[in-house]
Amino acid sequence: MHKKLFLPGPVEVLDEVLQTQARPLIGHRSKEFSRLYEGVINKLKRLFNTEYHAFVFTSSGTGVLEGFIRNFVKEKVLIPVNGSFSKRWVEAAQLNGKGVKALEFEWGRAVRPEVVAEELRRERYDALMVVHNESSTGLTNPLKEIAEVVREVSPDTLILVDAVSGMLGVPLELEGWGIDAVAASVQKAFGLPPGISVAYVSERAMERSKEIENRGMYFNFERMLDYYNKKKQTPFTPNISLMYALDYQLDRILAEGVENRYERHLRMAELARKWALEKFDMFPEEGYWSRTITCVANTRGMPVAEFIEELGRRGYAIANGYGPLKEKTFRIGHMGDLTERDVSELLGVMDEIIREKGW
């Protein structure tokens, strides 16, 4: 039995989108692929009305974000940590031989721009790396305000953003906020199967990367851009089937309208939040609740794993708390092409289980 996915990712994918992957393959060095890829890049730029360079990598978002560290951090990077994924970037920076300062915040509490500003006044960093939407805690950091203080206090510091679980679900601006590089996986709010990731990079960041040695081969942004400019191709074999799906889905997203997509995600989130506040409580700090993931505090002491197992038997999938938050929280993903009706349906089934089990 297929379980309808209300996970932090991967998400439920429309049948029509899945079917686009079944088209016959073409050679990745063919004119047909060049036309496909150029079309995808142009549509990605239209999403944000941006002049930034757009990229598509055959990888998870983790690979692209590690590429940010290799390409755009010469020596030192500042990373605010308030969840599992921001913690991951500290480890990645260390493993790539970069100097890293972790600004620690309590999980479930937002990154404070004034704390970032204080650290940037104290010491110089090549880049700030921040998670926009922390899926481990269901929290959206105040990226616009963080970027503002970076631009004011340390204008030469690049701003690198993990938007894996937020892009196209949580409002985001590139030039307007002064972001230098941002990446996302497509198995979240894009509403696609996992396997490729997209990135946007400013010209300023591309120029900075030329100063850095040992940028690597696969996630080398200068090499990717050179291949695109000369051939409208990628240096290495891409996932052509998923590129078909991305091309098709971008048409759907542009037809819906990015702002309308943001609003639909907000309406789904409001349904889940209302339910959580009535039945349990919200885990993250109020005012910073995510539009794509609702992280519920398990105030009833309910056996979350058992709850999820019973939901699975009825055809639905949600996620337990992440890492140290396991059993203390659970997470409801509402992104991609899900609707308010889908969320209401899930919440109704969850109510049935809680009532039947006496939780």
Protein backbone atom coordinates (compact mmCIF):
# COMPACT_ATOMS: atom_id res chain seq x y z
CA MET A 1 0.00 0.00 0.00
CA HIS A 2 1.28 3.44 -0.90
CA LYS A 3 1.52 5.79 2.04
CA LYS A 4 0.61 9.38 1.27
CA LEU A 5 3.70 11.36 2.21
CA PHE A 6 3.49 14.17 4.73
CA LEU A 7 7.20 13.99 5.49
CA PRO A 8 9.84 16.73 5.68
CA GLY A 9 10.95 15.08 2.44
CA PRO A 10 10.67 13.31 0.13
CA VAL A 11 7.18 14.58 -0.61
CA GLU A 12 4.15 13.27 -2.45
CA VAL A 13 4.69 13.64 -6.22
CA LEU A 14 1.85 14.00 -8.72
CA ASP A 15 1.40 11.07 -11.12
CA GLU A 16 1.66 13.36 -14.12
CA VAL A 17 5.04 14.57 -12.87
CA LEU A 18 6.25 11.03 -12.25
CA GLN A 19 5.21 10.01 -15.75
CA THR A 20 7.41 12.65 -17.39
CA GLN A 21 10.44 10.62 -16.26
CA ALA A 22 9.37 7.75 -18.51
CA ARG A 23 10.21 9.62 -21.71
CA PRO A 24 12.95 8.02 -23.88
CA LEU A 25 16.43 9.13 -22.94
CA ILE A 26 18.57 11.46 -25.02
CA GLY A 27 22.33 11.84 -25.07
CA HIS A 28 23.68 14.36 -22.58
CA ARG A 29 25.99 15.70 -25.30
CA SER A 30 23.19 16.14 -27.82
CA LYS A 31 21.53 19.31 -29.08
CA GLU A 32 18.27 17.98 -27.65
CA PHE A 33 19.74 17.94 -24.15
CA SER A 34 21.25 21.40 -24.61
CA ARG A 35 17.80 22.76 -25.45
CA LEU A 36 16.27 21.00 -22.45
CA TYR A 37 18.93 22.24 -20.04
CA GLU A 38 18.91 25.81 -21.31
CA GLY A 39 15.14 25.86 -20.92
CA VAL A 40 15.41 24.61 -17.33
CA ILE A 41 18.03 27.22 -16.42
CA ASN A 42 15.94 30.03 -17.90
CA LYS A 43 12.83 28.87 -16.03
CA LEU A 44 14.78 28.64 -12.76
CA LYS A 45 15.82 32.26 -13.20
CA ARG A 46 12.22 33.27 -13.89
CA LEU A 47 11.12 31.80 -10.55
CA PHE A 48 13.01 34.53 -8.71
CA ASN A 49 13.22 37.09 -11.51
CA THR A 50 16.98 36.93 -11.03
CA GLU A 51 20.16 37.58 -12.97
CA TYR A 52 22.08 35.21 -10.69
CA HIS A 53 23.67 32.15 -12.24
CA ALA A 54 21.45 29.06 -11.91
CA PHE A 55 22.79 25.51 -11.64
CA VAL A 56 21.36 21.98 -11.59
CA PHE A 57 23.43 19.22 -9.98
CA THR A 58 22.71 15.51 -9.97
CA SER A 59 23.04 15.10 -6.21
CA SER A 60 21.34 15.72 -2.91
CA GLY A 61 21.39 19.22 -1.50
CA THR A 62 24.16 18.14 0.87
CA GLY A 63 26.58 17.79 -2.03
CA VAL A 64 25.84 21.25 -3.42
CA LEU A 65 26.11 22.88 0.01
CA GLU A 66 29.44 21.19 0.65
CA GLY A 67 30.35 22.63 -2.75
CA PHE A 68 29.53 26.09 -1.38
CA ILE A 69 32.09 25.52 1.37
CA ARG A 70 34.75 24.37 -1.09
CA ASN A 71 34.09 27.09 -3.67
CA PHE A 72 33.26 30.17 -1.62
CA VAL A 73 35.09 29.84 1.71
CA LYS A 74 38.79 30.61 1.48
CA GLU A 75 39.69 30.30 5.15
CA LYS A 76 36.94 30.91 7.71
CA VAL A 77 33.17 30.54 7.85
CA LEU A 78 30.66 31.58 10.51
CA ILE A 79 27.74 29.17 11.02
CA PRO A 80 24.80 29.83 13.35
CA VAL A 81 23.66 26.48 14.76
CA ASN A 82 20.12 25.91 16.03
CA GLY A 83 19.29 22.48 14.61
CA SER A 84 20.62 19.32 13.03
CA PHE A 85 21.27 20.68 9.55
CA SER A 86 23.16 23.79 10.62
CA LYS A 87 25.23 21.46 12.80
CA ARG A 88 25.92 19.39 9.67
CA TRP A 89 27.53 22.38 7.93
CA VAL A 90 29.92 22.87 10.82
CA GLU A 91 31.11 19.30 10.36
CA ALA A 92 31.34 19.71 6.57
CA ALA A 93 33.43 22.86 6.91
CA GLN A 94 35.78 21.15 9.33
CA LEU A 95 36.13 18.09 7.09
CA ASN A 96 37.06 20.40 4.22
CA GLY A 97 39.82 22.02 6.24
CA LYS A 98 38.12 25.37 6.80
CA GLY A 99 38.23 27.38 9.98
CA VAL A 100 34.73 27.46 11.40
CA LYS A 101 33.01 29.26 14.25
CA ALA A 102 29.69 27.80 15.37
CA LEU A 103 27.32 30.33 16.93
CA GLU A 104 25.21 28.13 19.18
CA PHE A 105 21.50 28.74 19.79
CA GLU A 106 19.01 26.51 21.55
CA TRP A 107 17.24 24.10 19.20
CA GLY A 108 13.84 25.53 18.43
CA ARG A 109 15.03 29.12 18.95
CA ALA A 110 15.69 31.41 15.99
CA VAL A 111 19.10 32.77 15.06
CA ARG A 112 19.39 36.32 16.42
CA PRO A 113 20.73 38.82 13.86
CA GLU A 114 22.26 40.96 16.61
CA VAL A 115 24.36 38.01 17.82
CA VAL A 116 25.58 37.43 14.26
CA ALA A 117 26.43 41.14 13.99
CA GLU A 118 28.36 41.06 17.26
CA GLU A 119 30.51 38.17 16.08
CA LEU A 120 31.17 39.81 12.70
CA ARG A 121 32.35 42.97 14.48
CA ARG A 122 34.70 40.85 16.57
CA GLU A 123 36.27 38.81 13.76
CA ARG A 124 36.42 38.69 9.96
CA TYR A 125 34.89 35.74 8.08
CA ASP A 126 34.92 34.88 4.38
CA ALA A 127 31.33 33.72 4.58
CA LEU A 128 28.29 33.20 6.75
CA MET A 129 26.47 29.93 6.16
CA VAL A 130 22.90 29.81 7.43
CA VAL A 131 19.97 27.40 7.21
CA HIS A 132 16.86 29.26 6.11
CA ASN A 133 14.30 26.60 7.07
CA GLU A 134 15.52 24.13 9.70
CA SER A 135 13.56 20.96 9.04
CA SER A 136 14.73 19.23 12.24
CA THR A 137 12.80 21.75 14.35
CA GLY A 138 10.23 23.21 11.94
CA LEU A 139 11.71 26.68 12.30
CA THR A 140 12.37 29.41 9.72
CA ASN A 141 15.27 31.68 10.59
CA PRO A 142 14.91 35.44 9.91
CA LEU A 143 17.14 35.33 6.84
CA LYS A 144 16.28 38.80 5.55
CA GLU A 145 17.20 40.41 8.87
CA ILE A 146 20.35 38.28 9.21
CA ALA A 147 21.45 39.29 5.71
CA GLU A 148 20.81 42.96 6.51
CA VAL A 149 23.19 42.96 9.48
CA VAL A 150 25.86 41.07 7.52
CA ARG A 151 25.68 43.64 4.72
CA GLU A 152 25.90 46.47 7.26
CA VAL A 153 28.62 45.13 9.55
CA SER A 154 30.77 43.02 7.19
CA PRO A 155 29.85 43.75 3.55
CA ASP A 156 32.65 41.57 2.14
CA THR A 157 31.31 38.46 3.90
CA LEU A 158 29.47 36.17 1.50
CA ILE A 159 26.04 34.91 2.56
CA LEU A 160 25.56 31.20 1.78
CA VAL A 161 22.12 29.71 2.35
CA ASP A 162 20.73 26.22 2.84
CA ALA A 163 17.17 26.54 1.48
CA VAL A 164 16.70 22.80 1.05
CA SER A 165 13.34 22.53 2.82
CA GLY A 166 12.17 26.06 2.22
CA MET A 167 12.67 27.12 -1.39
CA LEU A 168 9.30 27.64 -3.16
CA GLY A 169 7.46 27.13 0.13
CA VAL A 170 8.96 29.90 2.27
CA PRO A 171 9.36 33.42 0.81
CA LEU A 172 12.91 34.09 -0.34
CA GLU A 173 14.58 36.88 -2.31
CA LEU A 174 18.04 36.76 -3.88
CA GLU A 175 19.18 40.20 -5.05
CA GLY A 176 16.68 41.91 -2.77
CA TRP A 177 18.15 40.37 0.37
CA GLY A 178 21.74 40.33 -0.84
CA ILE A 179 22.13 36.55 -0.73
CA ASP A 180 25.27 35.29 -2.52
CA ALA A 181 24.53 31.58 -2.93
CA VAL A 182 21.49 29.46 -2.14
CA ALA A 183 20.73 25.80 -2.78
CA ALA A 184 17.73 23.50 -2.52
CA SER A 185 16.84 19.88 -3.13
CA VAL A 186 13.87 19.22 -5.40
CA GLN A 187 12.24 16.53 -3.22
CA LYS A 188 10.81 19.20 -0.92
CA ALA A 189 8.66 22.19 -1.95
CA PHE A 190 9.53 21.71 -5.64
CA GLY A 191 7.36 18.56 -5.50
CA LEU A 192 9.75 16.23 -7.35
CA PRO A 193 11.48 12.91 -6.62
CA PRO A 194 14.92 13.15 -4.98
CA GLY A 195 18.07 13.05 -7.07
CA ILE A 196 18.85 16.57 -8.27
CA SER A 197 19.41 19.92 -6.60
CA VAL A 198 19.36 23.51 -7.80
CA ALA A 199 21.52 26.47 -6.83
CA TYR A 200 21.68 30.19 -7.46
CA VAL A 201 25.00 32.04 -7.20
CA SER A 202 25.80 35.75 -7.47
CA GLU A 203 28.48 37.10 -9.78
CA ARG A 204 30.29 38.36 -6.68
CA ALA A 205 30.53 34.82 -5.29
CA MET A 206 31.67 33.45 -8.65
CA GLU A 207 34.49 36.01 -8.74
CA ARG A 208 35.46 35.17 -5.16
CA SER A 209 35.70 31.47 -6.03
CA LYS A 210 38.54 32.20 -8.46
CA GLU A 211 40.72 33.11 -5.47
CA ILE A 212 40.27 29.69 -3.91
CA GLU A 213 42.43 26.67 -4.71
CA ASN A 214 41.27 23.05 -4.51
CA ARG A 215 37.60 23.71 -5.24
CA GLY A 216 37.16 20.10 -6.28
CA MET A 217 35.92 18.60 -9.53
CA TYR A 218 32.25 17.60 -9.37
CA PHE A 219 30.94 20.58 -7.39
CA ASN A 220 33.10 23.15 -9.14
CA PHE A 221 30.82 26.07 -9.95
CA GLU A 222 33.24 27.79 -12.34
CA ARG A 223 33.55 24.58 -14.32
CA MET A 224 29.75 24.14 -14.35
CA LEU A 225 29.23 27.70 -15.57
CA ASP A 226 31.90 27.39 -18.26
CA TYR A 227 30.24 24.24 -19.64
CA TYR A 228 26.88 25.92 -19.65
CA ASN A 229 28.08 29.08 -21.35
CA LYS A 230 29.94 27.20 -24.07
CA LYS A 231 27.69 24.19 -24.67
CA LYS A 232 24.50 24.52 -22.58
CA GLN A 233 25.52 21.24 -20.96
CA THR A 234 26.91 19.89 -17.68
CA PRO A 235 30.50 18.66 -17.23
CA PHE A 236 29.32 15.25 -16.03
CA THR A 237 26.37 13.01 -16.85
CA PRO A 238 23.16 14.49 -15.38
CA ASN A 239 19.98 12.72 -14.37
CA ILE A 240 18.18 13.31 -17.66
CA SER A 241 14.92 11.66 -16.58
CA LEU A 242 14.63 13.94 -13.55
CA MET A 243 15.56 16.90 -15.74
CA TYR A 244 12.46 16.13 -17.82
CA ALA A 245 10.41 16.16 -14.63
CA LEU A 246 12.00 19.39 -13.42
CA ASP A 247 11.30 21.08 -16.75
CA TYR A 248 7.66 19.99 -16.61
CA GLN A 249 7.23 20.95 -12.95
CA LEU A 250 8.76 24.38 -13.47
CA ASP A 251 6.07 25.08 -16.05
CA ARG A 252 3.43 24.08 -13.50
CA ILE A 253 4.97 26.24 -10.76
CA LEU A 254 5.27 29.28 -13.03
CA ALA A 255 1.64 28.80 -14.06
CA GLU A 256 0.54 28.68 -10.42
CA GLY A 257 2.72 31.68 -9.58
CA VAL A 258 5.44 31.65 -6.93
CA GLU A 259 3.55 34.05 -4.64
CA ASN A 260 0.43 31.89 -4.91
CA ARG A 261 2.55 28.86 -4.05
CA TYR A 262 3.84 30.63 -0.94
CA GLU A 263 0.28 31.47 0.10
CA ARG A 264 -0.91 27.87 -0.40
CA HIS A 265 1.93 26.63 1.78
CA LEU A 266 0.96 29.16 4.45
CA ARG A 267 -2.66 28.03 4.41
CA MET A 268 -1.61 24.39 4.84
CA ALA A 269 0.74 25.37 7.67
CA GLU A 270 -2.01 27.31 9.45
CA LEU A 271 -4.24 24.23 9.46
CA ALA A 272 -1.47 22.08 10.96
CA ARG A 273 -0.52 24.75 13.52
CA LYS A 274 -4.11 25.18 14.68
CA TRP A 275 -4.41 21.42 15.16
CA ALA A 276 -1.08 21.24 17.00
CA LEU A 277 -2.02 24.05 19.39
CA GLU A 278 -5.40 22.46 20.15
CA LYS A 279 -4.09 18.92 20.68
CA PHE A 280 -0.43 19.37 21.74
CA ASP A 281 1.80 22.43 21.33
CA MET A 282 4.25 23.84 18.81
CA PHE A 283 7.92 23.04 19.42
CA PRO A 284 9.71 26.00 17.78
CA GLU A 285 9.64 29.56 19.01
CA GLU A 286 6.48 31.45 18.10
CA GLY A 287 6.93 33.88 15.25
CA TYR A 288 9.36 31.60 13.42
CA TRP A 289 7.13 28.65 12.51
CA SER A 290 7.89 27.07 9.17
CA ARG A 291 5.42 27.12 6.26
CA THR A 292 6.61 23.72 5.03
CA ILE A 293 7.07 21.66 8.21
CA THR A 294 5.07 21.75 11.44
CA CYS A 295 7.08 20.40 14.38
CA VAL A 296 4.70 19.38 17.15
CA ALA A 297 5.80 19.16 20.80
CA ASN A 298 4.67 15.83 22.23
CA THR A 299 3.09 17.30 25.36
CA ARG A 300 0.90 14.22 25.88
CA GLY A 301 3.82 11.82 26.18
CA MET A 302 2.30 9.86 23.30
CA PRO A 303 4.34 6.94 21.89
CA VAL A 304 5.25 8.70 18.65
CA ALA A 305 6.75 5.69 16.89
CA GLU A 306 3.56 3.71 17.57
CA PHE A 307 1.45 6.63 16.38
CA ILE A 308 3.43 6.82 13.12
CA GLU A 309 3.15 3.06 12.64
CA GLU A 310 -0.62 3.19 13.01
CA LEU A 311 -0.82 6.12 10.59
CA GLY A 312 1.17 4.02 8.13
CA ARG A 313 -1.34 1.19 8.38
CA ARG A 314 -4.01 3.70 7.37
CA GLY A 315 -2.01 4.98 4.41
CA TYR A 316 -0.22 8.09 5.70
CA ALA A 317 3.39 8.93 6.59
CA ILE A 318 4.67 11.64 8.94
CA ALA A 319 8.07 11.86 10.68
CA ASN A 320 9.27 11.35 14.22
CA GLY A 321 11.38 14.01 15.89
CA TYR A 322 14.90 14.35 14.49
CA GLY A 323 17.90 13.12 16.48
CA PRO A 324 17.63 14.18 20.13
CA LEU A 325 14.02 15.28 19.53
CA LYS A 326 12.85 11.75 18.69
CA GLU A 327 9.65 10.87 20.60
CA LYS A 328 9.71 14.40 22.07
CA THR A 329 8.32 15.86 18.85
CA PHE A 330 6.85 14.75 15.56
CA ARG A 331 6.86 16.53 12.22
CA ILE A 332 4.16 17.04 9.60
CA GLY A 333 5.41 18.00 6.15
CA HIS A 334 3.01 20.04 4.01
CA MET A 335 4.79 21.12 0.88
CA GLY A 336 5.06 20.57 -2.83
CA ASP A 337 1.70 20.00 -4.50
CA LEU A 338 -0.28 19.05 -1.40
CA THR A 339 -3.40 21.10 -0.67
CA GLU A 340 -5.39 22.19 2.35
CA ARG A 341 -7.78 19.33 1.64
CA ASP A 342 -4.89 16.85 1.91
CA VAL A 343 -3.79 18.32 5.24
CA SER A 344 -7.33 18.30 6.63
CA GLU A 345 -7.67 14.65 5.60
CA LEU A 346 -4.46 13.73 7.45
CA LEU A 347 -5.43 15.65 10.58
CA GLY A 348 -8.79 13.90 10.66
CA VAL A 349 -7.11 10.48 10.59
CA MET A 350 -4.68 11.56 13.29
CA ASP A 351 -7.61 12.62 15.47
CA GLU A 352 -9.23 9.20 14.98
CA ILE A 353 -6.09 7.38 16.10
CA ILE A 354 -5.57 9.57 19.18
CA ARG A 355 -9.22 9.10 20.17
CA GLU A 356 -9.19 5.32 19.61
CA LYS A 357 -5.90 4.84 21.51
CA GLY A 358 -6.86 7.15 24.35
CA TRP A 359 -3.75 9.24 23.93
